[in-house]
Amino acid sequence: GADISGGAEAECRGLVLSLKERRPDVKVEVITTALKEFAGDWNQNVFTEGVHQEDGIPVHRFFADPVNRRWYSLIQPRLAAPEVRDLWKHGKRTSPLMWPLERFYIHNMVHSRSMYRYLRHHRDAYDFFVYMPYMFVTTWKGSQITGARSIIIPCLHNERYAFMNLYHISAGGVLPHV
């Protein structure tokens, strides 16, 4: 929506509106949570669940599941540190978190089981799914559900999140399931 803040959110809105204008033959829909912003209360679904029309685009909103953001905030300082130089050792990247903490991160960020159910039941009804940004767990989990139909626009910064093993895909590599 027009009143949603955030760079990735603005980029998504711009992409959707540009597709609508330049390619009216392409059916575009948005699938998202009912939260307003990443910085807000993750237990405060601001929007109602369901399909809404915004600028002539169907927007499917799903309630975010309750989480204890306090748990997430315990590992956030390791991810929010501005420097990434310490994540390169002997010419190779290293994660800012050990695997148990990455798993903890995955389970204590925004989730929407109703969104995941929708993706599982409707993945064959769409030609492809575009996810952004990479660091949201709904992108990570959603792209696992929709598989080869997934396109991820990372909106990547030189940030510690990008060094986490769960986001690293190498030739022949597989994302771990948690």
C-alpha atoms as a PDB file:
ATOM      1  CA  GLY A   1       0.000   0.000   0.000  1.00  0.00           C
ATOM      2  CA  ALA A   2       0.953   3.608  -0.432  1.00  0.00           C
ATOM      3  CA  ASP A   3       1.366   4.140   3.320  1.00  0.00           C
ATOM      4  CA  ILE A   4       3.793   1.251   3.892  1.00  0.00           C
ATOM      5  CA  SER A   5       7.335   2.399   4.701  1.00  0.00           C
ATOM      6  CA  GLY A   6      10.530   0.583   3.829  1.00  0.00           C
ATOM      7  CA  GLY A   7      12.798   0.335   0.806  1.00  0.00           C
ATOM      8  CA  ALA A   8      11.917  -3.223  -0.213  1.00  0.00           C
ATOM      9  CA  GLU A   9       8.231  -2.510   0.291  1.00  0.00           C
ATOM     10  CA  ALA A  10       8.463   0.606  -1.919  1.00  0.00           C
ATOM     11  CA  GLU A  11      10.372  -1.403  -4.531  1.00  0.00           C
ATOM     12  CA  CYS A  12       7.695  -4.108  -4.503  1.00  0.00           C
ATOM     13  CA  ARG A  13       4.944  -1.522  -4.903  1.00  0.00           C
ATOM     14  CA  GLY A  14       6.829   0.119  -7.777  1.00  0.00           C
ATOM     15  CA  LEU A  15       7.316  -3.224  -9.520  1.00  0.00           C
ATOM     16  CA  VAL A  16       3.656  -4.176  -9.181  1.00  0.00           C
ATOM     17  CA  LEU A  17       2.381  -0.807 -10.413  1.00  0.00           C
ATOM     18  CA  SER A  18       4.863  -0.783 -13.306  1.00  0.00           C
ATOM     19  CA  LEU A  19       3.772  -4.260 -14.387  1.00  0.00           C
ATOM     20  CA  LYS A  20       0.137  -3.198 -14.209  1.00  0.00           C
ATOM     21  CA  GLU A  21       0.832  -0.127 -16.364  1.00  0.00           C
ATOM     22  CA  ARG A  22       3.293  -1.584 -18.883  1.00  0.00           C
ATOM     23  CA  ARG A  23       1.956  -5.135 -19.145  1.00  0.00           C
ATOM     24  CA  PRO A  24      -1.799  -5.061 -18.543  1.00  0.00           C
ATOM     25  CA  ASP A  25      -1.958  -8.554 -20.068  1.00  0.00           C
ATOM     26  CA  VAL A  26      -0.023  -9.943 -17.068  1.00  0.00           C
ATOM     27  CA  LYS A  27      -2.181 -10.742 -14.044  1.00  0.00           C
ATOM     28  CA  VAL A  28      -0.397  -9.539 -10.917  1.00  0.00           C
ATOM     29  CA  GLU A  29      -1.399 -10.282  -7.321  1.00  0.00           C
ATOM     30  CA  VAL A  30       0.335  -9.518  -4.037  1.00  0.00           C
ATOM     31  CA  ILE A  31       0.638 -12.025  -1.192  1.00  0.00           C
ATOM     32  CA  THR A  32       1.749 -10.547   2.119  1.00  0.00           C
ATOM     33  CA  THR A  33       1.141 -10.480   5.861  1.00  0.00           C
ATOM     34  CA  ALA A  34      -1.295  -8.195   7.650  1.00  0.00           C
ATOM     35  CA  LEU A  35       1.605  -6.450   9.422  1.00  0.00           C
ATOM     36  CA  LYS A  36       2.424  -2.866   8.530  1.00  0.00           C
ATOM     37  CA  GLU A  37       6.196  -2.721   8.839  1.00  0.00           C
ATOM     38  CA  PHE A  38       9.238  -4.653   9.989  1.00  0.00           C
ATOM     39  CA  ALA A  39       9.984  -2.130  12.738  1.00  0.00           C
ATOM     40  CA  GLY A  40       6.467  -2.392  14.174  1.00  0.00           C
ATOM     41  CA  ASP A  41       4.957  -4.824  16.635  1.00  0.00           C
ATOM     42  CA  TRP A  42       5.073  -8.283  15.037  1.00  0.00           C
ATOM     43  CA  ASN A  43       2.030  -9.305  17.075  1.00  0.00           C
ATOM     44  CA  GLN A  44      -0.064  -6.393  15.792  1.00  0.00           C
ATOM     45  CA  ASN A  45      -1.803  -7.398  12.578  1.00  0.00           C
ATOM     46  CA  VAL A  46      -2.786  -3.933  11.362  1.00  0.00           C
ATOM     47  CA  PHE A  47      -4.684  -4.992   8.254  1.00  0.00           C
ATOM     48  CA  THR A  48      -7.584  -7.428   8.050  1.00  0.00           C
ATOM     49  CA  GLU A  49      -6.966 -10.871   6.627  1.00  0.00           C
ATOM     50  CA  GLY A  50      -8.393 -11.555   3.178  1.00  0.00           C
ATOM     51  CA  VAL A  51      -8.222 -10.255  -0.382  1.00  0.00           C
ATOM     52  CA  HIS A  52      -8.310  -6.479  -0.813  1.00  0.00           C
ATOM     53  CA  GLN A  53      -8.022  -4.298  -3.915  1.00  0.00           C
ATOM     54  CA  GLU A  54      -5.289  -1.655  -3.856  1.00  0.00           C
ATOM     55  CA  ASP A  55      -4.808   0.400  -7.016  1.00  0.00           C
ATOM     56  CA  GLY A  56      -6.711  -2.304  -8.897  1.00  0.00           C
ATOM     57  CA  ILE A  57      -4.331  -5.050  -7.689  1.00  0.00           C
ATOM     58  CA  PRO A  58      -5.600  -7.991  -5.589  1.00  0.00           C
ATOM     59  CA  VAL A  59      -3.664  -8.034  -2.298  1.00  0.00           C
ATOM     60  CA  HIS A  60      -3.926 -11.250  -0.275  1.00  0.00           C
ATOM     61  CA  ARG A  61      -3.175 -10.436   3.360  1.00  0.00           C
ATOM     62  CA  PHE A  62      -2.546 -13.144   5.944  1.00  0.00           C
ATOM     63  CA  PHE A  63      -2.280 -12.790   9.694  1.00  0.00           C
ATOM     64  CA  ALA A  64       1.223 -13.127  11.082  1.00  0.00           C
ATOM     65  CA  ASP A  65       1.552 -15.760  13.783  1.00  0.00           C
ATOM     66  CA  PRO A  66       2.289 -14.523  17.317  1.00  0.00           C
ATOM     67  CA  VAL A  67       5.977 -14.418  18.181  1.00  0.00           C
ATOM     68  CA  ASN A  68       8.015 -13.346  21.151  1.00  0.00           C
ATOM     69  CA  ARG A  69      10.138 -10.581  19.652  1.00  0.00           C
ATOM     70  CA  ARG A  70      12.168 -10.497  22.863  1.00  0.00           C
ATOM     71  CA  TRP A  71      13.724 -13.816  21.812  1.00  0.00           C
ATOM     72  CA  TYR A  72      14.576 -12.376  18.399  1.00  0.00           C
ATOM     73  CA  SER A  73      16.086  -9.292  20.043  1.00  0.00           C
ATOM     74  CA  LEU A  74      18.594 -11.531  21.882  1.00  0.00           C
ATOM     75  CA  ILE A  75      20.393 -12.344  18.635  1.00  0.00           C
ATOM     76  CA  GLN A  76      19.672  -9.075  16.806  1.00  0.00           C
ATOM     77  CA  PRO A  77      22.852  -7.307  18.051  1.00  0.00           C
ATOM     78  CA  ARG A  78      24.968  -9.959  16.318  1.00  0.00           C
ATOM     79  CA  LEU A  79      23.098  -9.294  13.081  1.00  0.00           C
ATOM     80  CA  ALA A  80      22.807  -5.513  13.324  1.00  0.00           C
ATOM     81  CA  ALA A  81      26.518  -4.764  13.859  1.00  0.00           C
ATOM     82  CA  PRO A  82      27.607  -2.454  11.034  1.00  0.00           C
ATOM     83  CA  GLU A  83      30.876  -4.151  10.092  1.00  0.00           C
ATOM     84  CA  VAL A  84      31.118  -7.343   8.058  1.00  0.00           C
ATOM     85  CA  ARG A  85      34.923  -7.535   7.806  1.00  0.00           C
ATOM     86  CA  ASP A  86      35.047 -10.039  10.652  1.00  0.00           C
ATOM     87  CA  LEU A  87      32.880 -12.415   8.592  1.00  0.00           C
ATOM     88  CA  TRP A  88      35.676 -13.109   6.076  1.00  0.00           C
ATOM     89  CA  LYS A  89      38.242 -15.621   7.246  1.00  0.00           C
ATOM     90  CA  HIS A  90      40.969 -16.942   4.952  1.00  0.00           C
ATOM     91  CA  GLY A  91      39.101 -15.571   1.914  1.00  0.00           C
ATOM     92  CA  LYS A  92      35.840 -17.349   2.795  1.00  0.00           C
ATOM     93  CA  ARG A  93      32.660 -15.967   4.288  1.00  0.00           C
ATOM     94  CA  THR A  94      31.503 -17.126   7.681  1.00  0.00           C
ATOM     95  CA  SER A  95      28.091 -16.750   9.291  1.00  0.00           C
ATOM     96  CA  PRO A  96      27.618 -14.251  12.123  1.00  0.00           C
ATOM     97  CA  LEU A  97      25.616 -16.963  13.908  1.00  0.00           C
ATOM     98  CA  MET A  98      26.316 -20.604  14.633  1.00  0.00           C
ATOM     99  CA  TRP A  99      23.733 -22.977  13.134  1.00  0.00           C
ATOM    100  CA  PRO A 100      21.716 -23.394  16.378  1.00  0.00           C
ATOM    101  CA  LEU A 101      21.308 -19.592  16.526  1.00  0.00           C
ATOM    102  CA  GLU A 102      20.370 -19.446  12.836  1.00  0.00           C
ATOM    103  CA  ARG A 103      17.689 -22.015  13.579  1.00  0.00           C
ATOM    104  CA  PHE A 104      16.588 -19.907  16.554  1.00  0.00           C
ATOM    105  CA  TYR A 105      16.430 -16.861  14.234  1.00  0.00           C
ATOM    106  CA  ILE A 106      14.246 -18.723  11.718  1.00  0.00           C
ATOM    107  CA  HIS A 107      11.776 -19.766  14.397  1.00  0.00           C
ATOM    108  CA  ASN A 108      11.554 -16.365  16.103  1.00  0.00           C
ATOM    109  CA  MET A 109      10.975 -14.022  13.178  1.00  0.00           C
ATOM    110  CA  VAL A 110       7.708 -13.184  11.385  1.00  0.00           C
ATOM    111  CA  HIS A 111       5.796 -16.248  10.172  1.00  0.00           C
ATOM    112  CA  SER A 112       2.355 -16.789   8.710  1.00  0.00           C
ATOM    113  CA  ARG A 113       1.095 -20.359   8.673  1.00  0.00           C
ATOM    114  CA  SER A 114      -2.049 -19.254   6.826  1.00  0.00           C
ATOM    115  CA  MET A 115       0.159 -17.708   4.104  1.00  0.00           C
ATOM    116  CA  TYR A 116       2.219 -20.894   3.835  1.00  0.00           C
ATOM    117  CA  ARG A 117      -0.995 -22.945   3.517  1.00  0.00           C
ATOM    118  CA  TYR A 118      -2.194 -20.648   0.742  1.00  0.00           C
ATOM    119  CA  LEU A 119       1.128 -20.992  -1.105  1.00  0.00           C
ATOM    120  CA  ARG A 120       1.018 -24.805  -0.812  1.00  0.00           C
ATOM    121  CA  HIS A 121      -2.585 -25.011  -2.060  1.00  0.00           C
ATOM    122  CA  HIS A 122      -2.231 -22.427  -4.850  1.00  0.00           C
ATOM    123  CA  ARG A 123       1.368 -22.754  -6.083  1.00  0.00           C
ATOM    124  CA  ASP A 124       0.214 -24.348  -9.353  1.00  0.00           C
ATOM    125  CA  ALA A 125      -2.239 -21.504 -10.015  1.00  0.00           C
ATOM    126  CA  TYR A 126       0.615 -19.017 -10.539  1.00  0.00           C
ATOM    127  CA  ASP A 127       3.328 -18.982 -13.198  1.00  0.00           C
ATOM    128  CA  PHE A 128       5.861 -17.646 -10.728  1.00  0.00           C
ATOM    129  CA  PHE A 129       6.259 -15.992  -7.327  1.00  0.00           C
ATOM    130  CA  VAL A 130       8.470 -12.959  -6.769  1.00  0.00           C
ATOM    131  CA  TYR A 131       9.796 -12.602  -3.228  1.00  0.00           C
ATOM    132  CA  MET A 132      11.495  -9.602  -1.692  1.00  0.00           C
ATOM    133  CA  PRO A 133      13.594  -8.976   0.290  1.00  0.00           C
ATOM    134  CA  TYR A 134      15.712 -12.054   0.920  1.00  0.00           C
ATOM    135  CA  MET A 135      16.057 -11.670   4.686  1.00  0.00           C
ATOM    136  CA  PHE A 136      12.412 -12.152   5.673  1.00  0.00           C
ATOM    137  CA  VAL A 137      11.603 -15.651   6.812  1.00  0.00           C
ATOM    138  CA  THR A 138       8.396 -15.498   4.767  1.00  0.00           C
ATOM    139  CA  THR A 139      10.668 -15.218   1.690  1.00  0.00           C
ATOM    140  CA  TRP A 140      12.906 -18.061   2.874  1.00  0.00           C
ATOM    141  CA  LYS A 141      10.027 -20.397   3.730  1.00  0.00           C
ATOM    142  CA  GLY A 142       7.733 -19.287   0.895  1.00  0.00           C
ATOM    143  CA  SER A 143      10.409 -19.883  -1.747  1.00  0.00           C
ATOM    144  CA  GLN A 144      10.934 -23.387  -0.388  1.00  0.00           C
ATOM    145  CA  ILE A 145       7.199 -24.036  -0.801  1.00  0.00           C
ATOM    146  CA  THR A 146       6.962 -22.621  -4.328  1.00  0.00           C
ATOM    147  CA  GLY A 147      10.307 -24.081  -5.436  1.00  0.00           C
ATOM    148  CA  ALA A 148      11.260 -23.582  -9.093  1.00  0.00           C
ATOM    149  CA  ARG A 149       8.501 -20.986  -9.522  1.00  0.00           C
ATOM    150  CA  SER A 150      10.330 -18.695  -7.069  1.00  0.00           C
ATOM    151  CA  ILE A 151      12.199 -15.542  -8.039  1.00  0.00           C
ATOM    152  CA  ILE A 152      13.954 -13.700  -5.228  1.00  0.00           C
ATOM    153  CA  ILE A 153      14.801 -10.020  -5.582  1.00  0.00           C
ATOM    154  CA  PRO A 154      17.192  -9.768  -2.666  1.00  0.00           C
ATOM    155  CA  CYS A 155      17.292  -5.981  -2.038  1.00  0.00           C
ATOM    156  CA  LEU A 156      20.707  -6.886  -0.675  1.00  0.00           C
ATOM    157  CA  HIS A 157      22.934  -4.662   1.418  1.00  0.00           C
ATOM    158  CA  ASN A 158      26.440  -5.426   2.624  1.00  0.00           C
ATOM    159  CA  GLU A 159      24.963  -6.631   5.888  1.00  0.00           C
ATOM    160  CA  ARG A 160      25.504  -9.431   8.351  1.00  0.00           C
ATOM    161  CA  TYR A 161      22.197 -11.175   7.493  1.00  0.00           C
ATOM    162  CA  ALA A 162      23.589 -11.852   4.006  1.00  0.00           C
ATOM    163  CA  PHE A 163      26.410 -13.937   5.488  1.00  0.00           C
ATOM    164  CA  MET A 164      24.102 -16.354   7.298  1.00  0.00           C
ATOM    165  CA  ASN A 165      24.402 -19.933   6.086  1.00  0.00           C
ATOM    166  CA  LEU A 166      20.650 -20.317   5.672  1.00  0.00           C
ATOM    167  CA  TYR A 167      20.726 -17.710   2.870  1.00  0.00           C
ATOM    168  CA  HIS A 168      23.774 -19.135   1.136  1.00  0.00           C
ATOM    169  CA  ILE A 169      23.152 -21.194  -1.947  1.00  0.00           C
ATOM    170  CA  SER A 170      26.176 -22.562  -3.729  1.00  0.00           C
ATOM    171  CA  ALA A 171      26.405 -24.696  -6.834  1.00  0.00           C
ATOM    172  CA  GLY A 172      24.714 -27.922  -5.860  1.00  0.00           C
ATOM    173  CA  GLY A 173      23.927 -26.522  -2.418  1.00  0.00           C
ATOM    174  CA  VAL A 174      20.611 -27.048  -0.679  1.00  0.00           C
ATOM    175  CA  LEU A 175      18.971 -24.813   1.861  1.00  0.00           C
ATOM    176  CA  PRO A 176      18.587 -26.649   5.160  1.00  0.00           C
ATOM    177  CA  HIS A 177      15.069 -27.370   6.357  1.00  0.00           C
ATOM    178  CA  VAL A 178      14.368 -26.354   9.926  1.00  0.00           C
END
